[in-house]
Each structure stands twice: as structure tokens, then as C-alpha cells.
């Protein structure tokens, strides 16, 4: 389970990047296609909320929950996040009305031309690249620092369900 500090750190990083590639990783024949998403919010439970385009098929023909992944990155940023977890299609009007922090405009979109997805984070892979050194001396210092201090900027977290 993510601690409050870890969740706040990842929420800040996701909000900074805002967009990600969404992949449905299930083995189902009919599944949502890969697409670029823009996050609406990351809630206190560690769930990422976003829209995808409504497919041409009837929504009830798709699995309501399925394994998925989100790859957050942005050109010019020194870090990226790869999230794996379980995605849930939110299509029930009553469930949409229960979402207190979602605007009426968002609810209307979810009922017409978009599909609201709730993504429960199970695993987080965070990687941060060091800044590029401008001079040869800075490059040598950075390389020496990595060798001597064994700096590791890659972090991986795995969440286990609590019963």
C-alpha cells in the first residue's frame, strides 16, 4: 500500500505530466484501443480518473473492469511514470452522481460521447534521469558521483490489496 507521502509524490508527478498513453492489457477480443489520455484527477485512494473516446460498439459489450497500464511522460521532463493496475468503466448514472468532486459537465460528457475510466494503481515504476551536464568537468563529476555514491534514481512500488 502506498503511504500518504508516496501517494502525494506520485499525485504531484502525475499532475505535472497530465497526459499518458493508455493500454488495455486484457486478453479480451473486444477491448478499448490504446489512446492518449489527459488525467482529470488522482483521488485519495490512489485512483486516476480520465476519459477515453466512446467506442462504436455498445459499451455493455466490453468488460467493466480489466487490467491496464498508463505510461506518463512529457518531452523536456526528466522523469516518467509507468503505472499498471485495474481499469473500471464508469457508466452507471447513479455511480456518476455519487462522484461529489466531478462537475456536471464531466458527468454529461461521460454519458454521451466519452467513457469515464477509474484506474486503480497496483504497481508504480518511477524513473528520473539526471540533468545533462553542460561541460566536460560537470559530466565527469556526475559520472564519478554515480560510481562512488551508487545513486539509484529508479523506484518501483507494488501495492497489495488489504482484506
Protein backbone atom coordinates (compact mmCIF):
# COMPACT_ATOMS: atom_id res chain seq x y z
CA UNK A 1 0.00 0.00 0.00
CA UNK A 2 1.30 3.46 -0.83
CA UNK A 3 1.96 5.71 2.12
CA UNK A 4 0.46 9.19 2.21
CA UNK A 5 3.85 10.75 1.30
CA UNK A 6 4.33 8.39 -1.66
CA UNK A 7 0.79 8.99 -2.89
CA UNK A 8 1.26 12.77 -2.66
CA UNK A 9 4.58 12.49 -4.53
CA UNK A 10 3.04 10.44 -7.35
CA UNK A 11 -0.07 12.63 -7.47
CA UNK A 12 2.19 15.69 -7.89
CA UNK A 13 4.19 13.97 -10.67
CA UNK A 14 1.03 12.80 -12.50
CA UNK A 15 -0.46 16.30 -12.28
CA UNK A 16 2.78 17.75 -13.63
CA UNK A 17 2.79 15.40 -16.65
CA UNK A 18 -1.05 15.32 -17.11
CA UNK A 19 -1.06 13.11 -20.24
CA UNK A 20 -0.34 9.43 -20.70
CA UNK A 21 -0.68 6.53 -23.07
CA UNK A 22 -3.48 4.19 -22.01
CA UNK A 23 -3.30 0.49 -22.84
CA UNK A 24 -5.93 -2.18 -22.17
CA UNK A 25 -3.80 -5.26 -21.40
CA UNK A 26 -6.62 -7.81 -21.15
CA UNK A 27 -6.90 -10.80 -23.45
CA UNK A 28 -10.49 -9.98 -24.37
CA UNK A 29 -11.46 -9.98 -28.03
CA UNK A 30 -13.31 -6.68 -27.69
CA UNK A 31 -11.33 -4.08 -25.75
CA UNK A 32 -10.75 -0.34 -25.64
CA UNK A 33 -7.99 0.67 -28.06
CA UNK A 34 -4.74 2.34 -26.95
CA UNK A 35 -5.08 6.12 -26.76
CA UNK A 36 -3.64 9.30 -25.30
CA UNK A 37 -5.47 10.41 -22.18
CA UNK A 38 -5.45 13.51 -20.02
CA UNK A 39 -6.00 12.96 -16.31
CA UNK A 40 -8.96 14.56 -14.58
CA UNK A 41 -7.76 13.85 -11.06
CA UNK A 42 -5.94 11.46 -8.77
CA UNK A 43 -8.06 10.81 -5.69
CA UNK A 44 -7.13 9.99 -2.11
CA UNK A 45 -7.47 6.24 -2.77
CA UNK A 46 -4.77 6.37 -5.46
CA UNK A 47 -7.17 6.12 -8.39
CA UNK A 48 -6.55 8.01 -11.62
CA UNK A 49 -9.69 9.33 -13.37
CA UNK A 50 -9.75 10.10 -17.11
CA UNK A 51 -11.83 9.95 -20.28
CA UNK A 52 -11.42 7.84 -23.41
CA UNK A 53 -13.43 8.14 -26.59
CA UNK A 54 -16.61 6.09 -26.62
CA UNK A 55 -16.16 3.10 -28.95
CA UNK A 56 -18.55 2.38 -31.82
CA UNK A 57 -19.77 -0.82 -30.18
CA UNK A 58 -22.25 -0.86 -27.33
CA UNK A 59 -20.48 -0.18 -24.06
CA UNK A 60 -22.17 -3.11 -22.30
CA UNK A 61 -20.30 -5.48 -24.68
CA UNK A 62 -16.97 -4.54 -23.05
CA UNK A 63 -15.61 -5.91 -19.78
CA UNK A 64 -16.45 -3.46 -16.97
CA UNK A 65 -13.05 -3.99 -15.34
CA UNK A 66 -9.81 -5.10 -16.95
CA UNK A 67 -6.04 -4.94 -16.49
CA UNK A 68 -4.47 -1.84 -17.97
CA UNK A 69 -1.41 0.36 -17.90
CA UNK A 70 -0.70 4.08 -18.12
CA UNK A 71 2.63 5.46 -19.36
CA UNK A 72 3.09 9.08 -18.28
CA UNK A 73 5.80 11.11 -19.94
CA UNK A 74 6.37 14.55 -21.43
CA UNK A 75 9.12 15.86 -23.64
CA UNK A 76 11.52 18.06 -21.70
CA UNK A 77 10.75 16.46 -18.34
CA UNK A 78 13.47 14.44 -16.65
CA UNK A 79 11.16 11.75 -15.29
CA UNK A 80 8.42 9.37 -16.33
CA UNK A 81 5.89 7.09 -14.63
CA UNK A 82 4.63 3.70 -15.74
CA UNK A 83 1.54 2.56 -13.86
CA UNK A 84 -0.09 -0.85 -14.02
CA UNK A 85 -3.40 -1.61 -12.43
CA UNK A 86 -7.05 -2.30 -12.96
CA UNK A 87 -9.30 -0.03 -15.00
CA UNK A 88 -13.03 0.26 -14.39
CA UNK A 89 -15.56 1.65 -16.85
CA UNK A 90 -17.82 4.08 -15.00
CA UNK A 91 -21.10 4.11 -16.90
CA UNK A 92 -23.78 3.80 -14.25
CA UNK A 93 -25.60 7.17 -13.86
CA UNK A 94 -26.03 6.59 -10.13
CA UNK A 95 -22.30 5.97 -9.70
CA UNK A 96 -21.55 9.14 -11.67
CA UNK A 97 -23.92 11.13 -9.44
CA UNK A 98 -22.15 9.80 -6.34
CA UNK A 99 -18.87 11.38 -7.50
CA UNK A 100 -19.05 14.55 -5.46
CA UNK A 101 -15.87 16.18 -6.82
CA UNK A 102 -16.79 15.76 -10.50
CA UNK A 103 -18.51 18.65 -12.29
CA UNK A 104 -21.87 18.26 -14.02
CA UNK A 105 -20.13 18.94 -17.35
CA UNK A 106 -17.86 15.95 -16.73
CA UNK A 107 -20.84 13.77 -15.84
CA UNK A 108 -22.65 14.83 -19.04
CA UNK A 109 -19.58 14.00 -21.16
CA UNK A 110 -19.37 10.58 -19.54
CA UNK A 111 -22.93 9.81 -20.53
CA UNK A 112 -22.71 10.94 -24.17
CA UNK A 113 -19.54 10.79 -26.30
CA UNK A 114 -16.85 9.78 -23.82
CA UNK A 115 -16.25 6.94 -21.38
CA UNK A 116 -15.10 7.73 -17.86
CA UNK A 117 -12.39 5.37 -16.61
CA UNK A 118 -11.31 4.87 -13.00
CA UNK A 119 -7.82 3.36 -12.86
CA UNK A 120 -6.76 1.70 -9.58
CA UNK A 121 -2.96 1.79 -9.26
CA UNK A 122 -1.36 -1.54 -8.37
CA UNK A 123 2.26 -1.00 -9.41
CA UNK A 124 4.26 2.20 -9.99
CA UNK A 125 7.55 2.44 -11.84
CA UNK A 126 9.13 5.89 -11.46
CA UNK A 127 12.35 6.77 -13.24
CA UNK A 128 14.21 10.06 -13.11
CA UNK A 129 17.08 10.89 -15.40
CA UNK A 130 19.87 13.15 -14.15
CA UNK A 131 20.19 16.53 -15.83
CA UNK A 132 22.63 16.75 -18.69
CA UNK A 133 25.94 18.26 -17.69
CA UNK A 134 27.00 21.21 -19.82
CA UNK A 135 30.76 20.99 -19.52
CA UNK A 136 33.23 18.12 -19.55
CA UNK A 137 34.06 18.80 -15.89
CA UNK A 138 30.38 18.56 -14.94
CA UNK A 139 29.99 15.33 -16.93
CA UNK A 140 33.00 13.79 -15.18
CA UNK A 141 31.76 14.94 -11.76
CA UNK A 142 28.30 13.47 -12.39
CA UNK A 143 29.76 10.16 -13.60
CA UNK A 144 32.14 9.95 -10.64
CA UNK A 145 29.31 10.77 -8.25
CA UNK A 146 27.16 7.96 -9.69
CA UNK A 147 30.02 5.48 -9.43
CA UNK A 148 31.09 6.40 -5.91
CA UNK A 149 27.70 7.01 -4.36
CA UNK A 150 25.87 4.35 -6.37
CA UNK A 151 23.00 6.75 -6.96
CA UNK A 152 19.81 4.98 -7.90
CA UNK A 153 17.02 7.12 -9.25
CA UNK A 154 14.70 4.28 -10.21
CA UNK A 155 11.93 3.44 -7.74
CA UNK A 156 9.34 0.69 -8.02
CA UNK A 157 6.37 0.14 -5.74
CA UNK A 158 3.93 -2.74 -5.62
CA UNK A 159 0.55 -2.49 -3.91
CA UNK A 160 -1.13 -5.46 -2.33
CA UNK A 161 -4.87 -5.47 -1.58
CA UNK A 162 -5.86 -5.28 2.08
CA UNK A 163 -8.61 -7.53 3.29
